Amino acid sequence: NSDLEDVLLVERLAFGEEEEAELVKNLLSDRSAYPILSLLAFQ
């Protein structure tokens, strides 16, 4: 949960718009989408 801003940053940079980041944010908070596996890569 503490990685949310990093996740959304990657989404915004990868897709160049807010729409994809909002979709991911909504899915992460949607209980009907569970179980969720969200992996974050760092360099």
PDB file of all heavy atoms in Angstrom:
ATOM      1  N   ASN A   1       0.825  -1.214   0.000  1.00  0.00           N
ATOM      2  CA  ASN A   1       0.000   0.000   0.000  1.00  0.00           C
ATOM      3  C   ASN A   1       0.855   1.259   0.000  1.00  0.00           C
ATOM      4  O   ASN A   1       0.484   2.263  -0.601  1.00  0.00           O
ATOM      5  CB  ASN A   1      -0.940   0.010   1.207  1.00  0.00           C
ATOM      6  CG  ASN A   1      -2.030  -1.036   1.092  1.00  0.00           C
ATOM      7  OD1 ASN A   1      -2.323  -1.519  -0.004  1.00  0.00           O
ATOM      8  ND2 ASN A   1      -2.618  -1.404   2.206  1.00  0.00           N
ATOM      9  N   SER A   2       1.996   1.201   0.651  1.00  0.00           N
ATOM     10  CA  SER A   2       2.864   2.380   0.725  1.00  0.00           C
ATOM     11  C   SER A   2       3.563   2.671  -0.606  1.00  0.00           C
ATOM     12  O   SER A   2       4.166   3.725  -0.767  1.00  0.00           O
ATOM     13  CB  SER A   2       3.900   2.218   1.840  1.00  0.00           C
ATOM     14  OG  SER A   2       4.761   1.143   1.558  1.00  0.00           O
ATOM     15  N   ASP A   3       3.470   1.761  -1.569  1.00  0.00           N
ATOM     16  CA  ASP A   3       4.083   1.946  -2.893  1.00  0.00           C
ATOM     17  C   ASP A   3       3.141   2.589  -3.900  1.00  0.00           C
ATOM     18  O   ASP A   3       3.506   2.749  -5.066  1.00  0.00           O
ATOM     19  CB  ASP A   3       4.533   0.593  -3.462  1.00  0.00           C
ATOM     20  CG  ASP A   3       5.677  -0.017  -2.701  1.00  0.00           C
ATOM     21  OD1 ASP A   3       6.606   0.725  -2.327  1.00  0.00           O
ATOM     22  OD2 ASP A   3       5.639  -1.243  -2.476  1.00  0.00           O
ATOM     23  N   LEU A   4       1.946   2.959  -3.490  1.00  0.00           N
ATOM     24  CA  LEU A   4       0.941   3.441  -4.445  1.00  0.00           C
ATOM     25  C   LEU A   4       1.455   4.576  -5.311  1.00  0.00           C
ATOM     26  O   LEU A   4       1.271   4.560  -6.533  1.00  0.00           O
ATOM     27  CB  LEU A   4      -0.344   3.859  -3.723  1.00  0.00           C
ATOM     28  CG  LEU A   4      -1.464   4.354  -4.642  1.00  0.00           C
ATOM     29  CD1 LEU A   4      -1.876   3.275  -5.637  1.00  0.00           C
ATOM     30  CD2 LEU A   4      -2.649   4.828  -3.839  1.00  0.00           C
ATOM     31  N   GLU A   5       2.112   5.563  -4.736  1.00  0.00           N
ATOM     32  CA  GLU A   5       2.592   6.698  -5.539  1.00  0.00           C
ATOM     33  C   GLU A   5       3.637   6.257  -6.566  1.00  0.00           C
ATOM     34  O   GLU A   5       3.647   6.761  -7.691  1.00  0.00           O
ATOM     35  CB  GLU A   5       3.132   7.810  -4.644  1.00  0.00           C
ATOM     36  CG  GLU A   5       2.037   8.555  -3.908  1.00  0.00           C
ATOM     37  CD  GLU A   5       0.950   9.114  -4.820  1.00  0.00           C
ATOM     38  OE1 GLU A   5       1.279   9.723  -5.873  1.00  0.00           O
ATOM     39  OE2 GLU A   5      -0.236   8.930  -4.499  1.00  0.00           O
ATOM     40  N   ASP A   6       4.507   5.307  -6.200  1.00  0.00           N
ATOM     41  CA  ASP A   6       5.478   4.777  -7.160  1.00  0.00           C
ATOM     42  C   ASP A   6       4.778   4.022  -8.284  1.00  0.00           C
ATOM     43  O   ASP A   6       5.136   4.162  -9.458  1.00  0.00           O
ATOM     44  CB  ASP A   6       6.481   3.853  -6.465  1.00  0.00           C
ATOM     45  CG  ASP A   6       7.513   4.603  -5.650  1.00  0.00           C
ATOM     46  OD1 ASP A   6       7.727   5.805  -5.901  1.00  0.00           O
ATOM     47  OD2 ASP A   6       8.117   3.981  -4.758  1.00  0.00           O
ATOM     48  N   VAL A   7       3.779   3.219  -7.939  1.00  0.00           N
ATOM     49  CA  VAL A   7       3.006   2.479  -8.947  1.00  0.00           C
ATOM     50  C   VAL A   7       2.354   3.456  -9.917  1.00  0.00           C
ATOM     51  O   VAL A   7       2.445   3.297 -11.141  1.00  0.00           O
ATOM     52  CB  VAL A   7       1.949   1.578  -8.272  1.00  0.00           C
ATOM     53  CG1 VAL A   7       0.934   1.065  -9.280  1.00  0.00           C
ATOM     54  CG2 VAL A   7       2.614   0.418  -7.537  1.00  0.00           C
ATOM     55  N   LEU A   8       1.711   4.472  -9.389  1.00  0.00           N
ATOM     56  CA  LEU A   8       1.017   5.436 -10.249  1.00  0.00           C
ATOM     57  C   LEU A   8       1.995   6.247 -11.090  1.00  0.00           C
ATOM     58  O   LEU A   8       1.701   6.580 -12.246  1.00  0.00           O
ATOM     59  CB  LEU A   8       0.131   6.345  -9.397  1.00  0.00           C
ATOM     60  CG  LEU A   8      -0.981   5.628  -8.629  1.00  0.00           C
ATOM     61  CD1 LEU A   8      -1.793   6.628  -7.815  1.00  0.00           C
ATOM     62  CD2 LEU A   8      -1.875   4.810  -9.543  1.00  0.00           C
ATOM     63  N   LEU A   9       3.172   6.550 -10.549  1.00  0.00           N
ATOM     64  CA  LEU A   9       4.200   7.257 -11.321  1.00  0.00           C
ATOM     65  C   LEU A   9       4.620   6.425 -12.531  1.00  0.00           C
ATOM     66  O   LEU A   9       4.699   6.944 -13.656  1.00  0.00           O
ATOM     67  CB  LEU A   9       5.413   7.551 -10.434  1.00  0.00           C
ATOM     68  CG  LEU A   9       6.617   8.151 -11.159  1.00  0.00           C
ATOM     69  CD1 LEU A   9       6.293   9.535 -11.709  1.00  0.00           C
ATOM     70  CD2 LEU A   9       7.823   8.194 -10.226  1.00  0.00           C
ATOM     71  N   VAL A  10       4.869   5.142 -12.322  1.00  0.00           N
ATOM     72  CA  VAL A  10       5.249   4.263 -13.429  1.00  0.00           C
ATOM     73  C   VAL A  10       4.138   4.228 -14.476  1.00  0.00           C
ATOM     74  O   VAL A  10       4.405   4.314 -15.678  1.00  0.00           O
ATOM     75  CB  VAL A  10       5.570   2.847 -12.919  1.00  0.00           C
ATOM     76  CG1 VAL A  10       5.715   1.872 -14.078  1.00  0.00           C
ATOM     77  CG2 VAL A  10       6.834   2.850 -12.073  1.00  0.00           C
ATOM     78  N   GLU A  11       2.901   4.116 -14.037  1.00  0.00           N
ATOM     79  CA  GLU A  11       1.771   4.089 -14.967  1.00  0.00           C
ATOM     80  C   GLU A  11       1.692   5.374 -15.788  1.00  0.00           C
ATOM     81  O   GLU A  11       1.512   5.333 -17.009  1.00  0.00           O
ATOM     82  CB  GLU A  11       0.453   3.875 -14.218  1.00  0.00           C
ATOM     83  CG  GLU A  11       0.348   2.565 -13.479  1.00  0.00           C
ATOM     84  CD  GLU A  11       0.350   1.359 -14.384  1.00  0.00           C
ATOM     85  OE1 GLU A  11      -0.086   1.453 -15.548  1.00  0.00           O
ATOM     86  OE2 GLU A  11       0.787   0.293 -13.911  1.00  0.00           O
ATOM     87  N   ARG A  12       1.837   6.509 -15.134  1.00  0.00           N
ATOM     88  CA  ARG A  12       1.760   7.799 -15.849  1.00  0.00           C
ATOM     89  C   ARG A  12       2.890   7.942 -16.864  1.00  0.00           C
ATOM     90  O   ARG A  12       2.675   8.398 -17.989  1.00  0.00           O
ATOM     91  CB  ARG A  12       1.816   8.948 -14.845  1.00  0.00           C
ATOM     92  CG  ARG A  12       0.573   9.089 -14.022  1.00  0.00           C
ATOM     93  CD  ARG A  12       0.678  10.273 -13.049  1.00  0.00           C
ATOM     94  NE  ARG A  12      -0.439  10.258 -12.134  1.00  0.00           N
ATOM     95  CZ  ARG A  12      -0.342   9.984 -10.831  1.00  0.00           C
ATOM     96  NH1 ARG A  12       0.848   9.727 -10.287  1.00  0.00           N
ATOM     97  NH2 ARG A  12      -1.404   9.977 -10.077  1.00  0.00           N
ATOM     98  N   LEU A  13       4.105   7.556 -16.457  1.00  0.00           N
ATOM     99  CA  LEU A  13       5.242   7.677 -17.367  1.00  0.00           C
ATOM    100  C   LEU A  13       5.153   6.689 -18.521  1.00  0.00           C
ATOM    101  O   LEU A  13       5.505   7.013 -19.653  1.00  0.00           O
ATOM    102  CB  LEU A  13       6.548   7.480 -16.599  1.00  0.00           C
ATOM    103  CG  LEU A  13       6.904   8.578 -15.606  1.00  0.00           C
ATOM    104  CD1 LEU A  13       8.117   8.175 -14.778  1.00  0.00           C
ATOM    105  CD2 LEU A  13       7.158   9.897 -16.317  1.00  0.00           C
ATOM    106  N   ALA A  14       4.673   5.494 -18.258  1.00  0.00           N
ATOM    107  CA  ALA A  14       4.592   4.467 -19.298  1.00  0.00           C
ATOM    108  C   ALA A  14       3.523   4.773 -20.336  1.00  0.00           C
ATOM    109  O   ALA A  14       3.725   4.529 -21.528  1.00  0.00           O
ATOM    110  CB  ALA A  14       4.331   3.102 -18.670  1.00  0.00           C
ATOM    111  N   PHE A  15       2.384   5.293 -19.893  1.00  0.00           N
ATOM    112  CA  PHE A  15       1.262   5.505 -20.810  1.00  0.00           C
ATOM    113  C   PHE A  15       1.047   6.958 -21.196  1.00  0.00           C
ATOM    114  O   PHE A  15       0.245   7.249 -22.070  1.00  0.00           O
ATOM    115  CB  PHE A  15      -0.022   4.916 -20.202  1.00  0.00           C
ATOM    116  CG  PHE A  15       0.028   3.417 -20.117  1.00  0.00           C
ATOM    117  CD1 PHE A  15       0.379   2.795 -18.934  1.00  0.00           C
ATOM    118  CD2 PHE A  15      -0.244   2.638 -21.219  1.00  0.00           C
ATOM    119  CE1 PHE A  15       0.439   1.410 -18.851  1.00  0.00           C
ATOM    120  CE2 PHE A  15      -0.186   1.253 -21.159  1.00  0.00           C
ATOM    121  CZ  PHE A  15       0.160   0.639 -19.966  1.00  0.00           C
ATOM    122  N   GLY A  16       1.749   7.874 -20.522  1.00  0.00           N
ATOM    123  CA  GLY A  16       1.691   9.278 -20.901  1.00  0.00           C
ATOM    124  C   GLY A  16       0.373   9.959 -20.617  1.00  0.00           C
ATOM    125  O   GLY A  16       0.082  11.000 -21.211  1.00  0.00           O
ATOM    126  N   GLU A  17      -0.437   9.377 -19.738  1.00  0.00           N
ATOM    127  CA  GLU A  17      -1.722   9.985 -19.406  1.00  0.00           C
ATOM    128  C   GLU A  17      -2.183   9.518 -18.032  1.00  0.00           C
ATOM    129  O   GLU A  17      -1.648   8.562 -17.474  1.00  0.00           O
ATOM    130  CB  GLU A  17      -2.778   9.644 -20.450  1.00  0.00           C
ATOM    131  CG  GLU A  17      -2.984   8.159 -20.637  1.00  0.00           C
ATOM    132  CD  GLU A  17      -3.907   7.851 -21.799  1.00  0.00           C
ATOM    133  OE1 GLU A  17      -3.539   8.146 -22.940  1.00  0.00           O
ATOM    134  OE2 GLU A  17      -4.996   7.327 -21.530  1.00  0.00           O
ATOM    135  N   GLU A  18      -3.171  10.186 -17.515  1.00  0.00           N
ATOM    136  CA  GLU A  18      -3.686   9.887 -16.179  1.00  0.00           C
ATOM    137  C   GLU A  18      -4.671   8.716 -16.177  1.00  0.00           C
ATOM    138  O   GLU A  18      -4.844   8.051 -15.150  1.00  0.00           O
ATOM    139  CB  GLU A  18      -4.370  11.142 -15.622  1.00  0.00           C
ATOM    140  CG  GLU A  18      -4.764  11.061 -14.181  1.00  0.00           C
ATOM    141  CD  GLU A  18      -3.573  10.949 -13.230  1.00  0.00           C
ATOM    142  OE1 GLU A  18      -2.484  11.437 -13.554  1.00  0.00           O
ATOM    143  OE2 GLU A  18      -3.747  10.350 -12.164  1.00  0.00           O
ATOM    144  N   GLU A  19      -5.294   8.438 -17.314  1.00  0.00           N
ATOM    145  CA  GLU A  19      -6.363   7.434 -17.394  1.00  0.00           C
ATOM    146  C   GLU A  19      -5.903   6.055 -16.911  1.00  0.00           C
ATOM    147  O   GLU A  19      -6.592   5.386 -16.145  1.00  0.00           O
ATOM    148  CB  GLU A  19      -6.888   7.346 -18.822  1.00  0.00           C
ATOM    149  CG  GLU A  19      -8.084   6.453 -18.969  1.00  0.00           C
ATOM    150  CD  GLU A  19      -8.639   6.486 -20.379  1.00  0.00           C
ATOM    151  OE1 GLU A  19      -8.612   7.552 -21.012  1.00  0.00           O
ATOM    152  OE2 GLU A  19      -9.096   5.425 -20.831  1.00  0.00           O
ATOM    153  N   GLU A  20      -4.745   5.607 -17.360  1.00  0.00           N
ATOM    154  CA  GLU A  20      -4.247   4.288 -16.962  1.00  0.00           C
ATOM    155  C   GLU A  20      -3.932   4.239 -15.476  1.00  0.00           C
ATOM    156  O   GLU A  20      -4.220   3.257 -14.793  1.00  0.00           O
ATOM    157  CB  GLU A  20      -2.997   3.929 -17.778  1.00  0.00           C
ATOM    158  CG  GLU A  20      -2.626   2.485 -17.713  1.00  0.00           C
ATOM    159  CD  GLU A  20      -3.573   1.595 -18.495  1.00  0.00           C
ATOM    160  OE1 GLU A  20      -4.197   2.054 -19.459  1.00  0.00           O
ATOM    161  OE2 GLU A  20      -3.676   0.405 -18.127  1.00  0.00           O
ATOM    162  N   ALA A  21      -3.357   5.318 -14.952  1.00  0.00           N
ATOM    163  CA  ALA A  21      -3.047   5.385 -13.517  1.00  0.00           C
ATOM    164  C   ALA A  21      -4.336   5.324 -12.695  1.00  0.00           C
ATOM    165  O   ALA A  21      -4.384   4.639 -11.664  1.00  0.00           O
ATOM    166  CB  ALA A  21      -2.266   6.655 -13.200  1.00  0.00           C
ATOM    167  N   GLU A  22      -5.374   5.991 -13.135  1.00  0.00           N
ATOM    168  CA  GLU A  22      -6.662   5.948 -12.425  1.00  0.00           C
ATOM    169  C   GLU A  22      -7.259   4.556 -12.452  1.00  0.00           C
ATOM    170  O   GLU A  22      -7.820   4.092 -11.459  1.00  0.00           O
ATOM    171  CB  GLU A  22      -7.644   6.957 -13.023  1.00  0.00           C
ATOM    172  CG  GLU A  22      -7.511   8.346 -12.485  1.00  0.00           C
ATOM    173  CD  GLU A  22      -7.724   8.428 -10.979  1.00  0.00           C
ATOM    174  OE1 GLU A  22      -8.746   7.935 -10.456  1.00  0.00           O
ATOM    175  OE2 GLU A  22      -6.848   8.995 -10.311  1.00  0.00           O
ATOM    176  N   LEU A  23      -7.155   3.871 -13.598  1.00  0.00           N
ATOM    177  CA  LEU A  23      -7.652   2.500 -13.706  1.00  0.00           C
ATOM    178  C   LEU A  23      -6.939   1.591 -12.695  1.00  0.00           C
ATOM    179  O   LEU A  23      -7.577   0.831 -11.974  1.00  0.00           O
ATOM    180  CB  LEU A  23      -7.453   1.967 -15.124  1.00  0.00           C
ATOM    181  CG  LEU A  23      -7.758   0.481 -15.330  1.00  0.00           C
ATOM    182  CD1 LEU A  23      -9.217   0.171 -15.044  1.00  0.00           C
ATOM    183  CD2 LEU A  23      -7.373   0.062 -16.735  1.00  0.00           C
ATOM    184  N   VAL A  24      -5.629   1.690 -12.631  1.00  0.00           N
ATOM    185  CA  VAL A  24      -4.855   0.870 -11.697  1.00  0.00           C
ATOM    186  C   VAL A  24      -5.222   1.207 -10.258  1.00  0.00           C
ATOM    187  O   VAL A  24      -5.434   0.315  -9.432  1.00  0.00           O
ATOM    188  CB  VAL A  24      -3.348   1.042 -11.952  1.00  0.00           C
ATOM    189  CG1 VAL A  24      -2.519   0.436 -10.831  1.00  0.00           C
ATOM    190  CG2 VAL A  24      -2.971   0.426 -13.292  1.00  0.00           C
ATOM    191  N   LYS A  25      -5.337   2.483  -9.957  1.00  0.00           N
ATOM    192  CA  LYS A  25      -5.722   2.902  -8.599  1.00  0.00           C
ATOM    193  C   LYS A  25      -7.082   2.327  -8.215  1.00  0.00           C
ATOM    194  O   LYS A  25      -7.268   1.819  -7.103  1.00  0.00           O
ATOM    195  CB  LYS A  25      -5.744   4.431  -8.524  1.00  0.00           C
ATOM    196  CG  LYS A  25      -6.029   4.977  -7.155  1.00  0.00           C
ATOM    197  CD  LYS A  25      -5.961   6.496  -7.180  1.00  0.00           C
ATOM    198  CE  LYS A  25      -6.287   7.079  -5.833  1.00  0.00           C
ATOM    199  NZ  LYS A  25      -6.239   8.547  -5.854  1.00  0.00           N
ATOM    200  N   ASN A  26      -8.027   2.380  -9.142  1.00  0.00           N
ATOM    201  CA  ASN A  26      -9.363   1.843  -8.877  1.00  0.00           C
ATOM    202  C   ASN A  26      -9.342   0.329  -8.704  1.00  0.00           C
ATOM    203  O   ASN A  26     -10.013  -0.215  -7.825  1.00  0.00           O
ATOM    204  CB  ASN A  26     -10.327   2.240  -9.984  1.00  0.00           C
ATOM    205  CG  ASN A  26     -10.651   3.715  -9.975  1.00  0.00           C
ATOM    206  OD1 ASN A  26     -10.519   4.390  -8.951  1.00  0.00           O
ATOM    207  ND2 ASN A  26     -11.056   4.236 -11.109  1.00  0.00           N
ATOM    208  N   LEU A  27      -8.580  -0.370  -9.529  1.00  0.00           N
ATOM    209  CA  LEU A  27      -8.489  -1.827  -9.402  1.00  0.00           C
ATOM    210  C   LEU A  27      -7.852  -2.233  -8.077  1.00  0.00           C
ATOM    211  O   LEU A  27      -8.284  -3.201  -7.446  1.00  0.00           O
ATOM    212  CB  LEU A  27      -7.688  -2.422 -10.562  1.00  0.00           C
ATOM    213  CG  LEU A  27      -8.422  -2.518 -11.890  1.00  0.00           C
ATOM    214  CD1 LEU A  27      -7.449  -2.875 -13.007  1.00  0.00           C
ATOM    215  CD2 LEU A  27      -9.548  -3.527 -11.808  1.00  0.00           C
ATOM    216  N   LEU A  28      -6.838  -1.508  -7.658  1.00  0.00           N
ATOM    217  CA  LEU A  28      -6.168  -1.834  -6.397  1.00  0.00           C
ATOM    218  C   LEU A  28      -7.085  -1.670  -5.193  1.00  0.00           C
ATOM    219  O   LEU A  28      -6.892  -2.328  -4.174  1.00  0.00           O
ATOM    220  CB  LEU A  28      -4.908  -0.987  -6.225  1.00  0.00           C
ATOM    221  CG  LEU A  28      -3.736  -1.362  -7.139  1.00  0.00           C
ATOM    222  CD1 LEU A  28      -2.638  -0.314  -7.053  1.00  0.00           C
ATOM    223  CD2 LEU A  28      -3.208  -2.741  -6.800  1.00  0.00           C
ATOM    224  N   SER A  29      -8.091  -0.815  -5.307  1.00  0.00           N
ATOM    225  CA  SER A  29      -9.001  -0.606  -4.182  1.00  0.00           C
ATOM    226  C   SER A  29     -10.327  -1.348  -4.338  1.00  0.00           C
ATOM    227  O   SER A  29     -11.180  -1.285  -3.460  1.00  0.00           O
ATOM    228  CB  SER A  29      -9.268   0.890  -3.997  1.00  0.00           C
ATOM    229  OG  SER A  29      -9.944   1.416  -5.116  1.00  0.00           O
ATOM    230  N   ASP A  30     -10.491  -2.083  -5.438  1.00  0.00           N
ATOM    231  CA  ASP A  30     -11.747  -2.785  -5.724  1.00  0.00           C
ATOM    232  C   ASP A  30     -11.706  -4.201  -5.150  1.00  0.00           C
ATOM    233  O   ASP A  30     -10.993  -5.068  -5.653  1.00  0.00           O
ATOM    234  CB  ASP A  30     -11.965  -2.833  -7.232  1.00  0.00           C
ATOM    235  CG  ASP A  30     -13.269  -3.479  -7.634  1.00  0.00           C
ATOM    236  OD1 ASP A  30     -13.980  -4.042  -6.762  1.00  0.00           O
ATOM    237  OD2 ASP A  30     -13.578  -3.445  -8.835  1.00  0.00           O
ATOM    238  N   ARG A  31     -12.480  -4.457  -4.101  1.00  0.00           N
ATOM    239  CA  ARG A  31     -12.497  -5.775  -3.450  1.00  0.00           C
ATOM    240  C   ARG A  31     -12.959  -6.884  -4.392  1.00  0.00           C
ATOM    241  O   ARG A  31     -12.571  -8.035  -4.227  1.00  0.00           O
ATOM    242  CB  ARG A  31     -13.381  -5.750  -2.208  1.00  0.00           C
ATOM    243  CG  ARG A  31     -12.773  -4.993  -1.065  1.00  0.00           C
ATOM    244  CD  ARG A  31     -11.694  -5.835  -0.479  1.00  0.00           C
ATOM    245  NE  ARG A  31     -11.111  -5.196   0.690  1.00  0.00           N
ATOM    246  CZ  ARG A  31      -9.928  -5.513   1.140  1.00  0.00           C
ATOM    247  NH1 ARG A  31      -9.215  -6.426   0.543  1.00  0.00           N
ATOM    248  NH2 ARG A  31      -9.434  -4.916   2.197  1.00  0.00           N
ATOM    249  N   SER A  32     -13.776  -6.568  -5.395  1.00  0.00           N
ATOM    250  CA  SER A  32     -14.229  -7.609  -6.319  1.00  0.00           C
ATOM    251  C   SER A  32     -13.114  -8.066  -7.257  1.00  0.00           C
ATOM    252  O   SER A  32     -13.238  -9.084  -7.918  1.00  0.00           O
ATOM    253  CB  SER A  32     -15.437  -7.137  -7.121  1.00  0.00           C
ATOM    254  OG  SER A  32     -15.060  -6.167  -8.077  1.00  0.00           O
ATOM    255  N   ALA A  33     -12.004  -7.332  -7.303  1.00  0.00           N
ATOM    256  CA  ALA A  33     -10.860  -7.700  -8.145  1.00  0.00           C
ATOM    257  C   ALA A  33      -9.864  -8.595  -7.411  1.00  0.00           C
ATOM    258  O   ALA A  33      -8.904  -9.056  -7.996  1.00  0.00           O
ATOM    259  CB  ALA A  33     -10.150  -6.443  -8.632  1.00  0.00           C
ATOM    260  N   TYR A  34     -10.104  -8.849  -6.122  1.00  0.00           N
ATOM    261  CA  TYR A  34      -9.190  -9.670  -5.322  1.00  0.00           C
ATOM    262  C   TYR A  34      -9.354 -11.134  -5.665  1.00  0.00           C
ATOM    263  O   TYR A  34     -10.467 -11.547  -5.994  1.00  0.00           O
ATOM    264  CB  TYR A  34      -9.459  -9.445  -3.827  1.00  0.00           C
ATOM    265  CG  TYR A  34      -8.818  -8.186  -3.313  1.00  0.00           C
ATOM    266  CD1 TYR A  34      -9.168  -6.950  -3.813  1.00  0.00           C
ATOM    267  CD2 TYR A  34      -7.855  -8.238  -2.321  1.00  0.00           C
ATOM    268  CE1 TYR A  34      -8.583  -5.793  -3.342  1.00  0.00           C
ATOM    269  CE2 TYR A  34      -7.264  -7.079  -1.840  1.00  0.00           C
ATOM    270  CZ  TYR A  34      -7.632  -5.853  -2.362  1.00  0.00           C
ATOM    271  OH  TYR A  34      -7.049  -4.722  -1.906  1.00  0.00           O
ATOM    272  N   PRO A  35      -8.315 -11.954  -5.618  1.00  0.00           N
ATOM    273  CA  PRO A  35      -6.975 -11.609  -5.161  1.00  0.00           C
ATOM    274  C   PRO A  35      -6.216 -10.820  -6.234  1.00  0.00           C
ATOM    275  O   PRO A  35      -6.409 -11.037  -7.426  1.00  0.00           O
ATOM    276  CB  PRO A  35      -6.300 -12.955  -4.916  1.00  0.00           C
ATOM    277  CG  PRO A  35      -6.999 -13.888  -5.855  1.00  0.00           C
ATOM    278  CD  PRO A  35      -8.410 -13.366  -5.971  1.00  0.00           C
ATOM    279  N   ILE A  36      -5.385  -9.935  -5.776  1.00  0.00           N
ATOM    280  CA  ILE A  36      -4.576  -9.085  -6.643  1.00  0.00           C
ATOM    281  C   ILE A  36      -3.109  -9.445  -6.442  1.00  0.00           C
ATOM    282  O   ILE A  36      -2.681  -9.690  -5.319  1.00  0.00           O
ATOM    283  CB  ILE A  36      -4.790  -7.595  -6.306  1.00  0.00           C
ATOM    284  CG1 ILE A  36      -6.158  -7.135  -6.808  1.00  0.00           C
ATOM    285  CG2 ILE A  36      -3.686  -6.729  -6.865  1.00  0.00           C
ATOM    286  CD1 ILE A  36      -6.485  -5.697  -6.476  1.00  0.00           C
ATOM    287  N   LEU A  37      -2.365  -9.467  -7.544  1.00  0.00           N
ATOM    288  CA  LEU A  37      -0.915  -9.550  -7.467  1.00  0.00           C
ATOM    289  C   LEU A  37      -0.371  -8.340  -8.195  1.00  0.00           C
ATOM    290  O   LEU A  37      -0.591  -8.165  -9.390  1.00  0.00           O
ATOM    291  CB  LEU A  37      -0.389 -10.842  -8.108  1.00  0.00           C
ATOM    292  CG  LEU A  37       1.130 -10.959  -8.140  1.00  0.00           C
ATOM    293  CD1 LEU A  37       1.716 -10.928  -6.725  1.00  0.00           C
ATOM    294  CD2 LEU A  37       1.550 -12.221  -8.878  1.00  0.00           C
ATOM    295  N   SER A  38       0.287  -7.480  -7.450  1.00  0.00           N
ATOM    296  CA  SER A  38       0.854  -6.252  -7.983  1.00  0.00           C
ATOM    297  C   SER A  38       2.356  -6.293  -7.735  1.00  0.00           C
ATOM    298  O   SER A  38       2.799  -6.324  -6.595  1.00  0.00           O
ATOM    299  CB  SER A  38       0.215  -5.051  -7.261  1.00  0.00           C
ATOM    300  OG  SER A  38       0.776  -3.832  -7.703  1.00  0.00           O
ATOM    301  N   LEU A  39       3.126  -6.330  -8.817  1.00  0.00           N
ATOM    302  CA  LEU A  39       4.581  -6.391  -8.708  1.00  0.00           C
ATOM    303  C   LEU A  39       5.193  -5.089  -9.202  1.00  0.00           C
ATOM    304  O   LEU A  39       4.782  -4.548 -10.233  1.00  0.00           O
ATOM    305  CB  LEU A  39       5.132  -7.556  -9.532  1.00  0.00           C
ATOM    306  CG  LEU A  39       4.630  -8.946  -9.155  1.00  0.00           C
ATOM    307  CD1 LEU A  39       5.165  -9.985 -10.130  1.00  0.00           C
ATOM    308  CD2 LEU A  39       5.010  -9.286  -7.728  1.00  0.00           C
ATOM    309  N   LEU A  40       6.187  -4.611  -8.477  1.00  0.00           N
ATOM    310  CA  LEU A  40       6.857  -3.355  -8.783  1.00  0.00           C
ATOM    311  C   LEU A  40       8.339  -3.627  -8.997  1.00  0.00           C
ATOM    312  O   LEU A  40       8.959  -4.327  -8.193  1.00  0.00           O
ATOM    313  CB  LEU A  40       6.646  -2.383  -7.619  1.00  0.00           C
ATOM    314  CG  LEU A  40       6.974  -0.923  -7.791  1.00  0.00           C
ATOM    315  CD1 LEU A  40       6.268  -0.304  -8.992  1.00  0.00           C
ATOM    316  CD2 LEU A  40       6.622  -0.150  -6.527  1.00  0.00           C
ATOM    317  N   ALA A  41       8.888  -3.115 -10.083  1.00  0.00           N
ATOM    318  CA  ALA A  41      10.306  -3.302 -10.407  1.00  0.00           C
ATOM    319  C   ALA A  41      11.073  -2.016 -10.124  1.00  0.00           C
ATOM    320  O   ALA A  41      10.587  -0.911 -10.419  1.00  0.00           O
ATOM    321  CB  ALA A  41      10.459  -3.672 -11.876  1.00  0.00           C
ATOM    322  N   PHE A  42      12.254  -2.173  -9.565  1.00  0.00           N
ATOM    323  CA  PHE A  42      13.126  -1.045  -9.241  1.00  0.00           C
ATOM    324  C   PHE A  42      14.484  -1.230  -9.899  1.00  0.00           C
ATOM    325  O   PHE A  42      15.019  -2.332  -9.922  1.00  0.00           O
ATOM    326  CB  PHE A  42      13.344  -0.937  -7.724  1.00  0.00           C
ATOM    327  CG  PHE A  42      12.127  -0.546  -6.962  1.00  0.00           C
ATOM    328  CD1 PHE A  42      11.242  -1.506  -6.515  1.00  0.00           C
ATOM    329  CD2 PHE A  42      11.867   0.790  -6.678  1.00  0.00           C
ATOM    330  CE1 PHE A  42      10.116  -1.152  -5.802  1.00  0.00           C
ATOM    331  CE2 PHE A  42      10.745   1.151  -5.970  1.00  0.00           C
ATOM    332  CZ  PHE A  42       9.863   0.178  -5.524  1.00  0.00           C
ATOM    333  N   GLN A  43      15.023  -0.146 -10.417  1.00  0.00           N
ATOM    334  CA  GLN A  43      16.390  -0.103 -10.926  1.00  0.00           C
ATOM    335  C   GLN A  43      17.090   1.022 -10.181  1.00  0.00           C
ATOM    336  O   GLN A  43      16.644   2.165 -10.249  1.00  0.00           O
ATOM    337  CB  GLN A  43      16.395   0.173 -12.430  1.00  0.00           C
ATOM    338  CG  GLN A  43      17.765   0.161 -13.052  1.00  0.00           C
ATOM    339  CD  GLN A  43      18.311  -1.248 -13.162  1.00  0.00           C
ATOM    340  OE1 GLN A  43      17.602  -2.162 -13.586  1.00  0.00           O
ATOM    341  NE2 GLN A  43      19.554  -1.434 -12.774  1.00  0.00           N
TER     342      GLN A  43
END
